Amino acid sequence: MPIRLKKLIGTILLVALVVIYALIASAVAVTRLAEYGPTAHLLFFLLSGFLWVLPAMAIIKWLIIERPKG
């Protein structure tokens, strides 16, 4: 796969990941955390703020790894 195409696909995947993840995390926060206190909100957003990094790292790893030709 040409590197420019791979970078384009990776960029689109990263942007889609961030947007979809933010929407899901916000929806979960609104529906599940309404009756909890500020400590639960802090812990939820702290955890969910770091959790999106795992799939993003997988996408970035896919972007930078070159497959041997042949």
C-alpha atoms as a PDB file:
ATOM      1  CA  MET A   1       0.000   0.000   0.000  1.00  0.00           C
ATOM      2  CA  PRO A   2       1.427   3.418  -0.885  1.00  0.00           C
ATOM      3  CA  ILE A   3       2.495   5.387   2.188  1.00  0.00           C
ATOM      4  CA  ARG A   4       0.348   8.408   1.292  1.00  0.00           C
ATOM      5  CA  LEU A   5      -2.777   6.255   1.103  1.00  0.00           C
ATOM      6  CA  LYS A   6      -1.869   4.562   4.376  1.00  0.00           C
ATOM      7  CA  LYS A   7      -1.438   7.954   6.074  1.00  0.00           C
ATOM      8  CA  LEU A   8      -4.771   9.166   4.705  1.00  0.00           C
ATOM      9  CA  ILE A   9      -6.567   6.054   5.967  1.00  0.00           C
ATOM     10  CA  GLY A  10      -4.838   6.323   9.336  1.00  0.00           C
ATOM     11  CA  THR A  11      -5.759   9.982   9.707  1.00  0.00           C
ATOM     12  CA  ILE A  12      -9.402   9.291   8.890  1.00  0.00           C
ATOM     13  CA  LEU A  13      -9.444   6.368  11.343  1.00  0.00           C
ATOM     14  CA  LEU A  14      -7.913   8.468  14.133  1.00  0.00           C
ATOM     15  CA  VAL A  15     -10.366  11.326  13.647  1.00  0.00           C
ATOM     16  CA  ALA A  16     -13.302   8.902  13.502  1.00  0.00           C
ATOM     17  CA  LEU A  17     -12.049   7.145  16.637  1.00  0.00           C
ATOM     18  CA  VAL A  18     -11.835  10.378  18.613  1.00  0.00           C
ATOM     19  CA  VAL A  19     -15.254  11.626  17.497  1.00  0.00           C
ATOM     20  CA  ILE A  20     -17.067   8.322  18.064  1.00  0.00           C
ATOM     21  CA  TYR A  21     -15.308   7.685  21.359  1.00  0.00           C
ATOM     22  CA  ALA A  22     -16.128  11.171  22.643  1.00  0.00           C
ATOM     23  CA  LEU A  23     -19.792  10.751  21.721  1.00  0.00           C
ATOM     24  CA  ILE A  24     -20.011   7.356  23.416  1.00  0.00           C
ATOM     25  CA  ALA A  25     -18.166   8.524  26.550  1.00  0.00           C
ATOM     26  CA  SER A  26     -20.391  11.587  26.811  1.00  0.00           C
ATOM     27  CA  ALA A  27     -23.554   9.533  26.328  1.00  0.00           C
ATOM     28  CA  VAL A  28     -22.465   7.082  29.019  1.00  0.00           C
ATOM     29  CA  ALA A  29     -21.635   9.965  31.364  1.00  0.00           C
ATOM     30  CA  VAL A  30     -24.995  11.633  30.843  1.00  0.00           C
ATOM     31  CA  THR A  31     -27.057   8.469  31.240  1.00  0.00           C
ATOM     32  CA  ARG A  32     -25.119   6.667  33.980  1.00  0.00           C
ATOM     33  CA  LEU A  33     -23.446   9.358  36.087  1.00  0.00           C
ATOM     34  CA  ALA A  34     -26.358  11.732  36.658  1.00  0.00           C
ATOM     35  CA  GLU A  35     -27.034  10.539  40.201  1.00  0.00           C
ATOM     36  CA  TYR A  36     -23.387  10.222  41.281  1.00  0.00           C
ATOM     37  CA  GLY A  37     -21.160  12.838  42.844  1.00  0.00           C
ATOM     38  CA  PRO A  38     -18.190  14.783  41.505  1.00  0.00           C
ATOM     39  CA  THR A  39     -15.686  12.102  42.516  1.00  0.00           C
ATOM     40  CA  ALA A  40     -17.368   9.548  40.247  1.00  0.00           C
ATOM     41  CA  HIS A  41     -17.394  12.085  37.419  1.00  0.00           C
ATOM     42  CA  LEU A  42     -13.695  12.806  37.925  1.00  0.00           C
ATOM     43  CA  LEU A  43     -12.786   9.117  37.934  1.00  0.00           C
ATOM     44  CA  PHE A  44     -14.944   8.338  34.917  1.00  0.00           C
ATOM     45  CA  PHE A  45     -13.572  11.160  32.794  1.00  0.00           C
ATOM     46  CA  LEU A  46     -10.012  10.475  33.928  1.00  0.00           C
ATOM     47  CA  LEU A  47     -10.307   6.828  32.940  1.00  0.00           C
ATOM     48  CA  SER A  48     -12.194   7.468  29.718  1.00  0.00           C
ATOM     49  CA  GLY A  49      -9.783  10.264  28.844  1.00  0.00           C
ATOM     50  CA  PHE A  50      -6.883   7.830  28.874  1.00  0.00           C
ATOM     51  CA  LEU A  51      -8.712   4.796  27.498  1.00  0.00           C
ATOM     52  CA  TRP A  52      -8.978   6.078  23.926  1.00  0.00           C
ATOM     53  CA  VAL A  53      -5.180   6.021  23.699  1.00  0.00           C
ATOM     54  CA  LEU A  54      -5.084   2.224  23.403  1.00  0.00           C
ATOM     55  CA  PRO A  55      -6.901   1.958  20.044  1.00  0.00           C
ATOM     56  CA  ALA A  56      -5.144   5.122  18.852  1.00  0.00           C
ATOM     57  CA  MET A  57      -1.775   3.500  19.603  1.00  0.00           C
ATOM     58  CA  ALA A  58      -2.781   0.473  17.532  1.00  0.00           C
ATOM     59  CA  ILE A  59      -3.669   2.696  14.574  1.00  0.00           C
ATOM     60  CA  ILE A  60      -0.427   4.656  14.881  1.00  0.00           C
ATOM     61  CA  LYS A  61       1.579   1.435  15.162  1.00  0.00           C
ATOM     62  CA  TRP A  62      -0.077   0.220  11.958  1.00  0.00           C
ATOM     63  CA  LEU A  63       0.847   3.520  10.315  1.00  0.00           C
ATOM     64  CA  ILE A  64       4.549   3.409  11.119  1.00  0.00           C
ATOM     65  CA  ILE A  65       5.298  -0.285  10.597  1.00  0.00           C
ATOM     66  CA  GLU A  66       6.658  -0.977   7.150  1.00  0.00           C
ATOM     67  CA  ARG A  67       5.982  -4.411   5.712  1.00  0.00           C
ATOM     68  CA  PRO A  68       8.881  -6.010   3.836  1.00  0.00           C
ATOM     69  CA  LYS A  69       8.329  -6.152   0.104  1.00  0.00           C
ATOM     70  CA  GLY A  70       8.668  -9.439  -1.615  1.00  0.00           C
END
